[in-house]
Amino acid sequence: MSTLKKLSNKPVIGTLIRYITKIFANVHAKRIATHFSEYLQPIVAHNEYLKSKAFEIRHNVYCEELGFEECNEEKQESDDFDLHSIHCVIQHRSTKRFAGTVRIVYSLSEKQQLPLEKYCLDSIDHPTLIPTNFPRHKICEISRLAVPNEFRKRQSDQFKGAATGGINESEYSEKELRCFPFIAIGLYLSAASIVMSKDIEHVFVMMEPRLARSLKFVGIEFQQIGPVVDYHGKRAPYYISPKMLLNSLTPGFKKLFRGIQKELDIQVCGDPSIIGGLGYTDFGLTDKN
């Protein structure tokens, strides 16, 4: 892999290497998309039980594992932003264990600040991509993404619980192991699906630059809008819009995205109040993409 990376930076041959790598990655992504829906289910945490499971995962990762927040007797990590957030979890179908969570913090008034606005607004140096430049109902922040260590190998966990670690190999099949490292990507795509359903146009994230580079490889291209700062580790502010996502997402991961959208759509059929109803036609994502 390191040899290919070096060759990809060479003139002439580098273009060919990058093209071949992209083809193989896309084929792999299509296989992952098929297995992902077979073993994992994204769920909108619309009731107190599911929210408690999300808060439990967050306590495990952010309090017990990383020490970013203080542990508590309830084993639940939550804050005031959760009062104006939509939560999503991913559940392992056969064991019913929860494999990850993420939240979308929205804002309907100046009183409902995004976490980035409250703690890291000064870290944004982009002249126009600032939350306060947009209508409050058109902005959100994706935050508190967490994958429990049960679904990661500790020795290969490069992002300390935040992203694409390895898996506990002793309990799962080979096919399951192939798609589990994409749980974090599945969480981001679940969040993107919810963002589109709410007709939100501007999305902000604080994340590690290394994670941003990993997501870019699959076509989730966030735009960095400020320098790296020390906020729960070295992180930087990023921006993305639904249109940016759909324009950059690779075909293989578009297949995964479509599967996640359909899964969430099924959940809210008959009860659109869960997240305000799902509708994707505004962004042109059809079965042809």
Protein backbone atom coordinates (compact mmCIF):
# COMPACT_ATOMS: atom_id res chain seq x y z
CA MET A 1 0.00 0.00 0.00
CA SER A 2 2.82 2.44 0.84
CA THR A 3 4.46 1.64 -2.51
CA LEU A 4 1.25 2.39 -4.40
CA LYS A 5 0.87 5.64 -2.50
CA LYS A 6 4.37 6.70 -3.53
CA LEU A 7 3.74 5.74 -7.16
CA SER A 8 0.46 7.65 -7.20
CA ASN A 9 2.45 10.86 -6.68
CA LYS A 10 4.66 10.23 -9.72
CA PRO A 11 3.94 12.02 -13.01
CA VAL A 12 2.22 9.99 -15.76
CA ILE A 13 2.18 6.65 -13.91
CA GLY A 14 0.61 8.34 -10.90
CA THR A 15 -2.53 9.14 -12.87
CA LEU A 16 -2.86 5.50 -13.93
CA ILE A 17 -2.27 4.21 -10.40
CA ARG A 18 -4.91 6.55 -8.97
CA TYR A 19 -7.38 5.50 -11.67
CA ILE A 20 -6.85 1.78 -11.03
CA THR A 21 -7.05 2.27 -7.26
CA LYS A 22 -10.32 4.14 -7.65
CA ILE A 23 -11.81 1.32 -9.73
CA PHE A 24 -10.88 -1.34 -7.19
CA ALA A 25 -12.14 0.82 -4.31
CA ASN A 26 -15.47 1.32 -6.07
CA VAL A 27 -15.95 -2.41 -6.67
CA HIS A 28 -15.14 -3.06 -3.00
CA ALA A 29 -17.58 -0.34 -1.93
CA LYS A 30 -20.45 -1.95 -3.88
CA ARG A 31 -19.80 -5.25 -2.11
CA ILE A 32 -19.72 -3.45 1.23
CA ALA A 33 -23.03 -1.74 0.46
CA THR A 34 -24.68 -5.12 -0.11
CA HIS A 35 -23.31 -6.66 3.09
CA PHE A 36 -23.94 -3.53 5.18
CA SER A 37 -27.71 -3.66 4.78
CA GLU A 38 -27.68 -7.40 5.43
CA TYR A 39 -26.02 -7.11 8.84
CA LEU A 40 -26.53 -3.52 10.02
CA GLN A 41 -29.61 -1.31 10.37
CA PRO A 42 -29.61 2.49 10.74
CA ILE A 43 -32.38 3.64 13.08
CA VAL A 44 -33.72 7.08 13.94
CA ALA A 45 -33.65 7.24 17.76
CA HIS A 46 -37.18 8.62 18.05
CA ASN A 47 -38.06 7.22 21.49
CA GLU A 48 -36.51 7.36 24.95
CA TYR A 49 -35.20 3.78 24.81
CA LEU A 50 -33.22 4.38 21.61
CA LYS A 51 -31.96 7.73 22.84
CA SER A 52 -30.75 6.09 26.05
CA LYS A 53 -28.81 3.57 23.96
CA ALA A 54 -27.20 6.44 22.04
CA PHE A 55 -26.27 8.18 25.30
CA GLU A 56 -24.91 4.89 26.65
CA ILE A 57 -22.58 4.48 23.66
CA ARG A 58 -21.44 8.07 24.06
CA HIS A 59 -20.68 7.50 27.75
CA ASN A 60 -18.69 4.40 26.89
CA VAL A 61 -16.61 6.20 24.25
CA TYR A 62 -16.40 9.84 25.39
CA CYS A 63 -16.30 9.28 29.17
CA GLU A 64 -14.92 5.82 29.92
CA GLU A 65 -12.64 5.32 26.90
CA LEU A 66 -11.44 8.79 25.94
CA GLY A 67 -11.97 10.74 29.15
CA PHE A 68 -13.34 13.77 27.30
CA GLU A 69 -16.27 14.01 29.72
CA GLU A 70 -16.72 12.90 33.34
CA CYS A 71 -18.21 9.48 34.03
CA ASN A 72 -21.53 9.31 35.87
CA GLU A 73 -23.54 6.66 37.68
CA GLU A 74 -26.28 6.63 35.04
CA LYS A 75 -23.73 5.68 32.32
CA GLN A 76 -25.41 8.23 30.03
CA GLU A 77 -23.54 11.05 28.27
CA SER A 78 -25.82 13.89 27.28
CA ASP A 79 -25.90 17.69 27.19
CA ASP A 80 -28.20 20.62 26.47
CA PHE A 81 -27.66 20.28 22.70
CA ASP A 82 -29.53 16.97 22.79
CA LEU A 83 -32.74 18.91 23.41
CA HIS A 84 -32.58 20.22 19.84
CA SER A 85 -30.99 17.23 18.11
CA ILE A 86 -32.02 14.26 16.01
CA HIS A 87 -30.23 11.09 17.06
CA CYS A 88 -29.40 8.08 14.93
CA VAL A 89 -28.03 4.67 15.90
CA ILE A 90 -26.83 1.65 13.95
CA GLN A 91 -27.90 -1.75 15.24
CA HIS A 92 -26.37 -5.15 14.49
CA ARG A 93 -29.37 -7.09 13.18
CA SER A 94 -28.70 -10.57 14.55
CA THR A 95 -27.44 -9.69 18.06
CA LYS A 96 -29.48 -6.47 18.45
CA ARG A 97 -26.37 -4.77 19.82
CA PHE A 98 -25.89 -1.12 19.02
CA ALA A 99 -22.82 -0.48 16.89
CA GLY A 100 -22.68 3.31 16.80
CA THR A 101 -24.45 6.62 17.16
CA VAL A 102 -24.42 10.14 15.78
CA ARG A 103 -26.54 13.25 16.29
CA ILE A 104 -27.64 16.15 14.12
CA VAL A 105 -27.87 19.33 16.17
CA TYR A 106 -30.28 21.75 14.50
CA SER A 107 -31.10 25.37 15.28
CA LEU A 108 -34.42 27.17 15.04
CA SER A 109 -33.42 30.34 16.91
CA GLU A 110 -30.41 32.29 18.13
CA LYS A 111 -30.88 30.61 21.51
CA GLN A 112 -30.30 27.19 19.95
CA GLN A 113 -26.61 27.46 19.21
CA LEU A 114 -24.62 24.72 17.52
CA PRO A 115 -21.77 23.24 19.62
CA LEU A 116 -19.29 24.77 17.19
CA GLU A 117 -20.85 28.21 17.70
CA LYS A 118 -20.63 27.96 21.48
CA TYR A 119 -17.14 26.51 21.81
CA CYS A 120 -15.18 26.96 18.57
CA LEU A 121 -16.65 29.82 16.54
CA ASP A 122 -13.32 31.68 16.60
CA SER A 123 -11.67 28.71 14.88
CA ILE A 124 -13.56 29.48 11.64
CA ASP A 125 -11.59 31.81 9.38
CA HIS A 126 -13.57 31.30 6.15
CA PRO A 127 -15.06 34.64 5.00
CA THR A 128 -18.55 33.30 4.22
CA LEU A 129 -19.03 29.74 5.54
CA ILE A 130 -20.03 30.76 9.05
CA PRO A 131 -23.20 29.47 10.77
CA THR A 132 -24.40 32.99 11.60
CA ASN A 133 -24.42 33.88 7.88
CA PHE A 134 -27.34 31.53 7.17
CA PRO A 135 -30.99 31.23 8.28
CA ARG A 136 -31.11 29.28 11.54
CA HIS A 137 -33.42 26.58 10.14
CA LYS A 138 -30.96 25.91 7.30
CA ILE A 139 -27.93 24.99 9.45
CA CYS A 140 -26.93 22.01 11.56
CA GLU A 141 -23.91 20.32 13.07
CA ILE A 142 -23.07 16.62 12.96
CA SER A 143 -21.50 15.67 16.27
CA ARG A 144 -21.02 13.04 18.96
CA LEU A 145 -20.26 10.28 16.47
CA ALA A 146 -19.19 7.23 18.45
CA VAL A 147 -18.54 3.55 17.72
CA PRO A 148 -18.21 1.30 20.83
CA ASN A 149 -14.96 -0.59 21.27
CA GLU A 150 -16.79 -3.91 20.89
CA PHE A 151 -16.86 -3.15 17.17
CA ARG A 152 -13.20 -2.15 16.92
CA LYS A 153 -9.80 -3.74 17.36
CA ARG A 154 -7.98 -1.69 19.96
CA GLN A 155 -4.57 -2.32 18.36
CA SER A 156 -5.63 -0.81 15.04
CA ASP A 157 -7.87 1.95 16.36
CA GLN A 158 -6.28 4.97 14.75
CA PHE A 159 -8.97 7.46 15.70
CA LYS A 160 -9.63 6.50 19.34
CA GLY A 161 -13.27 5.59 19.01
CA ALA A 162 -14.22 8.31 16.57
CA ALA A 163 -14.13 6.55 13.24
CA THR A 164 -13.07 3.52 11.25
CA GLY A 165 -11.43 1.09 13.63
CA GLY A 166 -11.22 -2.67 13.32
CA ILE A 167 -13.50 -5.35 14.75
CA ASN A 168 -13.72 -7.92 17.50
CA GLU A 169 -13.09 -10.89 15.17
CA SER A 170 -14.09 -13.70 17.52
CA GLU A 171 -17.85 -13.05 17.44
CA TYR A 172 -18.68 -12.25 13.82
CA SER A 173 -18.58 -13.84 10.38
CA GLU A 174 -16.07 -12.91 7.70
CA LYS A 175 -18.71 -11.02 5.67
CA GLU A 176 -19.71 -9.05 8.75
CA LEU A 177 -16.08 -8.16 9.46
CA ARG A 178 -15.77 -6.70 5.96
CA CYS A 179 -18.53 -4.15 6.48
CA PHE A 180 -18.10 -3.28 10.18
CA PRO A 181 -15.15 -0.90 9.59
CA PHE A 182 -17.59 1.22 7.56
CA ILE A 183 -19.93 1.81 10.51
CA ALA A 184 -18.66 5.38 10.94
CA ILE A 185 -19.26 6.07 7.24
CA GLY A 186 -22.74 4.59 7.61
CA LEU A 187 -23.39 6.97 10.50
CA TYR A 188 -22.32 9.99 8.45
CA LEU A 189 -24.52 8.86 5.55
CA SER A 190 -27.43 8.32 7.95
CA ALA A 191 -26.94 11.85 9.24
CA ALA A 192 -26.79 13.15 5.65
CA SER A 193 -30.06 11.40 4.87
CA ILE A 194 -31.75 13.07 7.84
CA VAL A 195 -30.25 16.45 6.90
CA MET A 196 -31.78 16.16 3.43
CA SER A 197 -35.14 15.16 4.86
CA LYS A 198 -35.17 18.33 6.96
CA ASP A 199 -34.23 20.50 3.97
CA ILE A 200 -31.09 21.71 5.74
CA GLU A 201 -28.54 23.24 3.38
CA HIS A 202 -25.44 23.91 5.50
CA VAL A 203 -23.67 21.30 7.63
CA PHE A 204 -20.78 21.90 10.03
CA VAL A 205 -18.50 19.36 11.74
CA MET A 206 -15.52 19.50 14.08
CA MET A 207 -13.28 16.52 13.31
CA GLU A 208 -9.73 15.25 13.08
CA PRO A 209 -8.07 16.15 9.76
CA ARG A 210 -7.02 12.52 9.42
CA LEU A 211 -10.63 11.41 9.60
CA ALA A 212 -11.58 14.04 7.02
CA ARG A 213 -8.95 12.62 4.65
CA SER A 214 -10.29 9.09 5.17
CA LEU A 215 -13.84 10.21 4.41
CA LYS A 216 -12.63 12.01 1.29
CA PHE A 217 -11.36 8.67 -0.05
CA VAL A 218 -14.96 7.39 -0.27
CA GLY A 219 -16.25 10.67 -1.67
CA ILE A 220 -17.41 12.46 1.48
CA GLU A 221 -15.46 15.66 0.84
CA PHE A 222 -15.73 18.16 3.66
CA GLN A 223 -14.31 21.64 3.10
CA GLN A 224 -11.96 22.75 5.87
CA ILE A 225 -12.96 26.25 7.00
CA GLY A 226 -10.43 26.92 9.73
CA PRO A 227 -7.14 25.81 11.31
CA VAL A 228 -6.59 22.80 13.56
CA VAL A 229 -7.34 23.60 17.21
CA ASP A 230 -7.14 21.66 20.46
CA TYR A 231 -10.75 20.62 21.12
CA HIS A 232 -11.08 17.06 22.43
CA GLY A 233 -7.84 16.41 20.54
CA LYS A 234 -6.56 18.05 17.38
CA ARG A 235 -9.62 19.01 15.34
CA ALA A 236 -10.61 21.49 12.69
CA PRO A 237 -13.95 22.96 11.54
CA TYR A 238 -15.39 21.57 8.32
CA TYR A 239 -18.34 22.34 6.08
CA ILE A 240 -20.39 20.34 3.58
CA SER A 241 -23.74 20.72 1.84
CA PRO A 242 -26.04 17.95 0.53
CA LYS A 243 -25.24 18.94 -3.05
CA MET A 244 -21.50 18.77 -2.35
CA LEU A 245 -21.97 15.28 -0.93
CA LEU A 246 -23.97 13.94 -3.86
CA ASN A 247 -21.56 15.44 -6.38
CA SER A 248 -18.52 13.85 -4.77
CA LEU A 249 -19.79 10.52 -3.43
CA THR A 250 -18.35 7.56 -5.33
CA PRO A 251 -20.82 5.22 -7.12
CA GLY A 252 -20.16 2.38 -4.69
CA PHE A 253 -20.94 4.48 -1.66
CA LYS A 254 -23.91 6.08 -3.41
CA LYS A 255 -25.33 2.56 -3.41
CA LEU A 256 -24.77 2.38 0.34
CA PHE A 257 -26.34 5.83 0.72
CA ARG A 258 -29.45 4.78 -1.23
CA GLY A 259 -29.81 1.71 0.96
CA ILE A 260 -29.60 3.77 4.13
CA GLN A 261 -32.12 6.29 2.79
CA LYS A 262 -34.61 3.54 1.94
CA GLU A 263 -34.14 1.97 5.37
CA LEU A 264 -34.87 5.25 7.12
CA ASP A 265 -37.76 5.96 4.76
CA ILE A 266 -39.41 2.67 5.74
CA GLN A 267 -39.17 3.59 9.41
CA VAL A 268 -41.02 6.87 9.05
CA CYS A 269 -43.70 5.71 6.62
CA GLY A 270 -46.98 6.21 8.44
CA ASP A 271 -45.29 8.35 11.09
CA PRO A 272 -43.58 11.24 9.31
CA SER A 273 -43.49 13.21 12.56
CA ILE A 274 -40.44 11.15 13.58
CA ILE A 275 -38.13 13.42 11.59
CA GLY A 276 -40.55 15.49 9.58
CA GLY A 277 -40.89 13.03 6.72
CA LEU A 278 -38.25 11.91 4.28
CA GLY A 279 -38.03 13.26 0.77
CA TYR A 280 -35.00 13.01 -1.49
CA THR A 281 -36.12 14.24 -4.88
CA ASP A 282 -35.06 17.82 -4.15
CA PHE A 283 -31.44 16.71 -4.37
CA GLY A 284 -31.82 14.51 -7.42
CA LEU A 285 -30.78 11.21 -5.84
CA THR A 286 -32.51 8.53 -7.90
CA ASP A 287 -31.88 4.87 -8.59
CA LYS A 288 -29.97 5.93 -11.69
CA ASN A 289 -27.14 7.44 -9.64
